[in-house]
Amino acid sequence: MVGLYNTKDEFLKKEYKSFSARIINGKVEVSFKDIPEGTFAISVYHDENENGEFDRRFGMIPKENYGNSNNVPPRFGPPKWEDAKFEIKRGSATQIEIEMM
């Protein structure tokens, strides 16, 4: 599951655009098209049990692998918008590589 977010207030709550993609040879590649210039963040998780949810222990500790743009390291709680955000400029292609934790 891959989510693209375009505002701080909706980060990790409501995706601007999202994809569900299959893992092939340990990798997933997705392309977002028609994205306007602006500030964005990406969050991904491996829905191992295919229930459509990011499963957690005690409602906080991730049970499934996940990652975020800028490869924000795990801390106490979810990543912050300020740490995960990146810029998209008009007319340029942006490639983001995310390591799963």
N, C-alpha and C. Protein backbone atom coordinates (compact mmCIF):
# COMPACT_ATOMS: atom_id res chain seq x y z
N MET A 1 0.85 -1.17 0.00
CA MET A 1 0.00 0.00 0.00
C MET A 1 0.90 1.23 0.00
N VAL A 2 0.61 2.15 -0.91
CA VAL A 2 1.41 3.37 -1.05
C VAL A 2 0.46 4.56 -1.01
N GLY A 3 0.73 5.50 -0.12
CA GLY A 3 -0.10 6.70 -0.02
C GLY A 3 0.72 7.95 -0.26
N LEU A 4 0.20 8.83 -1.09
CA LEU A 4 0.80 10.14 -1.35
C LEU A 4 -0.07 11.17 -0.64
N TYR A 5 0.56 12.03 0.15
CA TYR A 5 -0.14 13.04 0.94
C TYR A 5 0.30 14.42 0.48
N ASN A 6 -0.64 15.38 0.50
CA ASN A 6 -0.30 16.72 0.02
C ASN A 6 -0.52 17.82 1.05
N THR A 7 -0.91 17.46 2.27
CA THR A 7 -1.03 18.46 3.33
C THR A 7 -0.58 17.88 4.67
N LYS A 8 -0.10 18.75 5.51
CA LYS A 8 0.33 18.35 6.86
C LYS A 8 -0.86 17.81 7.65
N ASP A 9 -2.00 18.46 7.54
CA ASP A 9 -3.17 18.06 8.32
C ASP A 9 -3.71 16.69 7.96
N GLU A 10 -3.52 16.26 6.70
CA GLU A 10 -4.03 14.97 6.27
C GLU A 10 -2.97 13.87 6.23
N PHE A 11 -1.72 14.22 6.56
CA PHE A 11 -0.63 13.24 6.52
C PHE A 11 -0.96 12.07 7.46
N LEU A 12 -0.92 10.87 6.89
CA LEU A 12 -1.22 9.59 7.54
C LEU A 12 -2.69 9.43 7.93
N LYS A 13 -3.53 10.34 7.47
CA LYS A 13 -4.97 10.25 7.75
C LYS A 13 -5.77 10.03 6.47
N LYS A 14 -5.52 10.87 5.47
CA LYS A 14 -6.28 10.78 4.21
C LYS A 14 -5.33 11.01 3.04
N GLU A 15 -5.17 10.01 2.20
CA GLU A 15 -4.26 10.10 1.07
C GLU A 15 -4.80 11.04 -0.01
N TYR A 16 -3.88 11.75 -0.64
CA TYR A 16 -4.20 12.55 -1.83
C TYR A 16 -4.39 11.59 -3.00
N LYS A 17 -3.47 10.62 -3.12
CA LYS A 17 -3.56 9.52 -4.09
C LYS A 17 -2.98 8.28 -3.43
N SER A 18 -3.47 7.11 -3.84
CA SER A 18 -2.94 5.88 -3.25
C SER A 18 -2.95 4.75 -4.26
N PHE A 19 -2.12 3.77 -3.98
CA PHE A 19 -1.98 2.58 -4.82
C PHE A 19 -1.87 1.35 -3.94
N SER A 20 -2.34 0.26 -4.45
CA SER A 20 -2.04 -1.05 -3.91
C SER A 20 -1.25 -1.74 -5.01
N ALA A 21 -0.06 -2.23 -4.69
CA ALA A 21 0.80 -2.82 -5.71
C ALA A 21 1.39 -4.13 -5.21
N ARG A 22 1.70 -5.01 -6.12
CA ARG A 22 2.31 -6.30 -5.80
C ARG A 22 3.82 -6.15 -5.66
N ILE A 23 4.38 -6.93 -4.76
CA ILE A 23 5.83 -6.98 -4.58
C ILE A 23 6.40 -7.98 -5.58
N ILE A 24 7.38 -7.54 -6.35
CA ILE A 24 8.02 -8.41 -7.34
C ILE A 24 9.52 -8.37 -7.08
N ASN A 25 10.09 -9.54 -6.82
CA ASN A 25 11.52 -9.66 -6.50
C ASN A 25 11.93 -8.72 -5.36
N GLY A 26 11.07 -8.62 -4.35
CA GLY A 26 11.38 -7.83 -3.18
C GLY A 26 11.24 -6.33 -3.36
N LYS A 27 10.64 -5.88 -4.48
CA LYS A 27 10.50 -4.45 -4.74
C LYS A 27 9.11 -4.12 -5.25
N VAL A 28 8.73 -2.88 -5.04
CA VAL A 28 7.49 -2.35 -5.58
C VAL A 28 7.83 -1.04 -6.28
N GLU A 29 7.25 -0.84 -7.44
CA GLU A 29 7.46 0.42 -8.16
C GLU A 29 6.09 0.96 -8.55
N VAL A 30 5.83 2.20 -8.18
CA VAL A 30 4.59 2.86 -8.56
C VAL A 30 4.92 4.22 -9.16
N SER A 31 4.02 4.72 -9.98
CA SER A 31 4.18 6.04 -10.58
C SER A 31 2.90 6.84 -10.35
N PHE A 32 3.05 8.01 -9.78
CA PHE A 32 1.94 8.94 -9.65
C PHE A 32 2.00 9.89 -10.83
N LYS A 33 0.90 10.05 -11.51
CA LYS A 33 0.86 10.91 -12.70
C LYS A 33 0.00 12.14 -12.42
N ASP A 34 0.26 13.20 -13.19
CA ASP A 34 -0.51 14.44 -13.09
C ASP A 34 -0.48 15.02 -11.68
N ILE A 35 0.69 15.06 -11.10
CA ILE A 35 0.87 15.64 -9.76
C ILE A 35 1.29 17.10 -9.93
N PRO A 36 0.58 18.02 -9.30
CA PRO A 36 0.95 19.43 -9.43
C PRO A 36 2.20 19.76 -8.62
N GLU A 37 2.79 20.89 -8.92
CA GLU A 37 3.92 21.38 -8.15
C GLU A 37 3.46 21.57 -6.70
N GLY A 38 4.34 21.23 -5.75
CA GLY A 38 3.98 21.43 -4.35
C GLY A 38 4.77 20.56 -3.41
N THR A 39 4.31 20.49 -2.19
CA THR A 39 4.95 19.73 -1.12
C THR A 39 4.13 18.48 -0.86
N PHE A 40 4.82 17.34 -0.75
CA PHE A 40 4.16 16.05 -0.59
C PHE A 40 4.95 15.18 0.38
N ALA A 41 4.34 14.08 0.81
CA ALA A 41 5.00 13.05 1.60
C ALA A 41 4.40 11.71 1.18
N ILE A 42 5.19 10.65 1.35
CA ILE A 42 4.73 9.30 1.00
C ILE A 42 4.87 8.41 2.22
N SER A 43 3.89 7.55 2.41
CA SER A 43 3.96 6.52 3.43
C SER A 43 3.56 5.20 2.78
N VAL A 44 4.28 4.14 3.10
CA VAL A 44 4.00 2.82 2.53
C VAL A 44 3.97 1.78 3.64
N TYR A 45 3.23 0.72 3.40
CA TYR A 45 3.30 -0.44 4.31
C TYR A 45 3.00 -1.71 3.52
N HIS A 46 3.53 -2.80 4.03
CA HIS A 46 3.31 -4.11 3.42
C HIS A 46 2.12 -4.75 4.14
N ASP A 47 1.00 -4.82 3.46
CA ASP A 47 -0.21 -5.40 4.01
C ASP A 47 -0.09 -6.93 3.92
N GLU A 48 0.70 -7.48 4.80
CA GLU A 48 1.06 -8.90 4.74
C GLU A 48 -0.16 -9.82 4.78
N ASN A 49 -1.15 -9.49 5.58
CA ASN A 49 -2.33 -10.36 5.68
C ASN A 49 -3.48 -9.90 4.78
N GLU A 50 -3.22 -8.90 3.93
CA GLU A 50 -4.16 -8.40 2.94
C GLU A 50 -5.53 -8.05 3.52
N ASN A 51 -5.53 -7.39 4.70
CA ASN A 51 -6.79 -6.97 5.30
C ASN A 51 -7.10 -5.49 5.05
N GLY A 52 -6.23 -4.81 4.26
CA GLY A 52 -6.45 -3.41 3.93
C GLY A 52 -6.14 -2.44 5.05
N GLU A 53 -5.46 -2.92 6.09
CA GLU A 53 -5.13 -2.06 7.23
C GLU A 53 -3.66 -2.21 7.61
N PHE A 54 -3.13 -1.15 8.21
CA PHE A 54 -1.77 -1.18 8.76
C PHE A 54 -1.89 -1.68 10.19
N ASP A 55 -1.59 -2.97 10.38
CA ASP A 55 -1.80 -3.62 11.67
C ASP A 55 -0.73 -3.20 12.68
N ARG A 56 -1.19 -3.02 13.94
CA ARG A 56 -0.29 -2.60 15.04
C ARG A 56 -0.61 -3.38 16.30
N ARG A 57 0.40 -3.59 17.10
CA ARG A 57 0.22 -4.18 18.43
C ARG A 57 -0.14 -3.06 19.39
N PHE A 58 -1.10 -3.32 20.25
CA PHE A 58 -1.53 -2.34 21.26
C PHE A 58 -1.93 -1.00 20.62
N GLY A 59 -2.28 -1.03 19.33
CA GLY A 59 -2.70 0.18 18.64
C GLY A 59 -1.58 1.14 18.30
N MET A 60 -0.31 0.77 18.60
CA MET A 60 0.80 1.69 18.40
C MET A 60 2.00 1.07 17.68
N ILE A 61 2.39 -0.13 18.05
CA ILE A 61 3.62 -0.74 17.54
C ILE A 61 3.32 -1.47 16.23
N PRO A 62 3.99 -1.08 15.12
CA PRO A 62 3.72 -1.71 13.83
C PRO A 62 3.98 -3.21 13.83
N LYS A 63 3.03 -3.97 13.27
CA LYS A 63 3.19 -5.41 13.08
C LYS A 63 3.62 -5.72 11.66
N GLU A 64 3.48 -4.74 10.76
CA GLU A 64 3.81 -4.93 9.35
C GLU A 64 4.92 -3.94 8.97
N ASN A 65 5.72 -4.33 7.98
CA ASN A 65 6.80 -3.46 7.53
C ASN A 65 6.23 -2.18 6.93
N TYR A 66 6.96 -1.09 7.11
CA TYR A 66 6.50 0.21 6.64
C TYR A 66 7.69 1.08 6.28
N GLY A 67 7.42 2.21 5.64
CA GLY A 67 8.46 3.16 5.30
C GLY A 67 7.82 4.50 4.93
N ASN A 68 8.66 5.53 4.88
CA ASN A 68 8.19 6.88 4.58
C ASN A 68 9.20 7.59 3.70
N SER A 69 8.72 8.60 2.98
CA SER A 69 9.64 9.40 2.18
C SER A 69 10.72 9.98 3.10
N ASN A 70 11.89 10.17 2.54
CA ASN A 70 13.09 10.60 3.26
C ASN A 70 13.58 9.56 4.25
N ASN A 71 13.01 8.35 4.18
CA ASN A 71 13.39 7.25 5.06
C ASN A 71 13.48 7.70 6.51
N VAL A 72 12.42 8.36 6.96
CA VAL A 72 12.35 8.85 8.33
C VAL A 72 12.53 7.67 9.28
N PRO A 73 13.52 7.74 10.18
CA PRO A 73 13.75 6.61 11.09
C PRO A 73 12.64 6.50 12.13
N PRO A 74 12.41 5.29 12.64
CA PRO A 74 11.37 5.13 13.66
C PRO A 74 11.75 5.87 14.94
N ARG A 75 10.77 6.50 15.51
CA ARG A 75 10.91 7.18 16.79
C ARG A 75 9.71 6.78 17.63
N PHE A 76 9.47 7.46 18.66
CA PHE A 76 8.29 7.18 19.48
C PHE A 76 7.08 7.82 18.82
N GLY A 77 6.35 7.02 18.04
CA GLY A 77 5.18 7.51 17.34
C GLY A 77 5.40 7.60 15.85
N PRO A 78 4.36 8.01 15.13
CA PRO A 78 4.45 8.09 13.67
C PRO A 78 5.40 9.19 13.21
N PRO A 79 5.83 9.12 11.95
CA PRO A 79 6.73 10.16 11.43
C PRO A 79 6.02 11.51 11.37
N LYS A 80 6.79 12.54 11.41
CA LYS A 80 6.26 13.91 11.32
C LYS A 80 6.29 14.36 9.86
N TRP A 81 5.30 15.15 9.47
CA TRP A 81 5.21 15.73 8.13
C TRP A 81 6.52 16.44 7.78
N GLU A 82 7.04 17.21 8.72
CA GLU A 82 8.24 18.00 8.47
C GLU A 82 9.44 17.12 8.09
N ASP A 83 9.48 15.90 8.62
CA ASP A 83 10.59 14.99 8.33
C ASP A 83 10.40 14.24 7.01
N ALA A 84 9.14 13.98 6.64
CA ALA A 84 8.85 13.15 5.46
C ALA A 84 8.58 13.95 4.19
N LYS A 85 8.35 15.24 4.30
CA LYS A 85 7.94 16.03 3.14
C LYS A 85 9.07 16.22 2.13
N PHE A 86 8.67 16.44 0.88
CA PHE A 86 9.60 16.74 -0.21
C PHE A 86 8.88 17.61 -1.21
N GLU A 87 9.64 18.25 -2.08
CA GLU A 87 9.08 19.18 -3.06
C GLU A 87 9.03 18.55 -4.45
N ILE A 88 7.97 18.85 -5.17
CA ILE A 88 7.88 18.51 -6.59
C ILE A 88 7.82 19.82 -7.35
N LYS A 89 8.73 19.98 -8.28
CA LYS A 89 8.80 21.19 -9.10
C LYS A 89 8.14 20.92 -10.45
N ARG A 90 7.55 21.93 -11.01
CA ARG A 90 6.88 21.82 -12.31
C ARG A 90 7.86 21.36 -13.39
N GLY A 91 7.45 20.37 -14.17
CA GLY A 91 8.25 19.91 -15.29
C GLY A 91 9.39 18.98 -14.95
N SER A 92 9.52 18.60 -13.68
CA SER A 92 10.61 17.70 -13.32
C SER A 92 10.06 16.37 -12.82
N ALA A 93 10.82 15.32 -13.06
CA ALA A 93 10.45 14.00 -12.55
C ALA A 93 11.12 13.82 -11.19
N THR A 94 10.38 13.28 -10.25
CA THR A 94 10.91 13.06 -8.91
C THR A 94 10.88 11.58 -8.63
N GLN A 95 12.01 11.04 -8.23
CA GLN A 95 12.08 9.62 -7.88
C GLN A 95 12.40 9.50 -6.40
N ILE A 96 11.60 8.72 -5.69
CA ILE A 96 11.75 8.53 -4.25
C ILE A 96 11.99 7.05 -4.00
N GLU A 97 13.05 6.72 -3.28
CA GLU A 97 13.29 5.34 -2.88
C GLU A 97 13.04 5.25 -1.39
N ILE A 98 12.25 4.25 -0.98
CA ILE A 98 11.89 4.10 0.41
C ILE A 98 12.33 2.73 0.90
N GLU A 99 13.06 2.71 1.99
CA GLU A 99 13.49 1.47 2.63
C GLU A 99 12.41 1.05 3.62
N MET A 100 12.01 -0.20 3.58
CA MET A 100 11.01 -0.70 4.52
C MET A 100 11.69 -1.07 5.84
N MET A 101 10.99 -0.80 6.93
CA MET A 101 11.50 -1.12 8.27
C MET A 101 10.71 -2.25 8.86
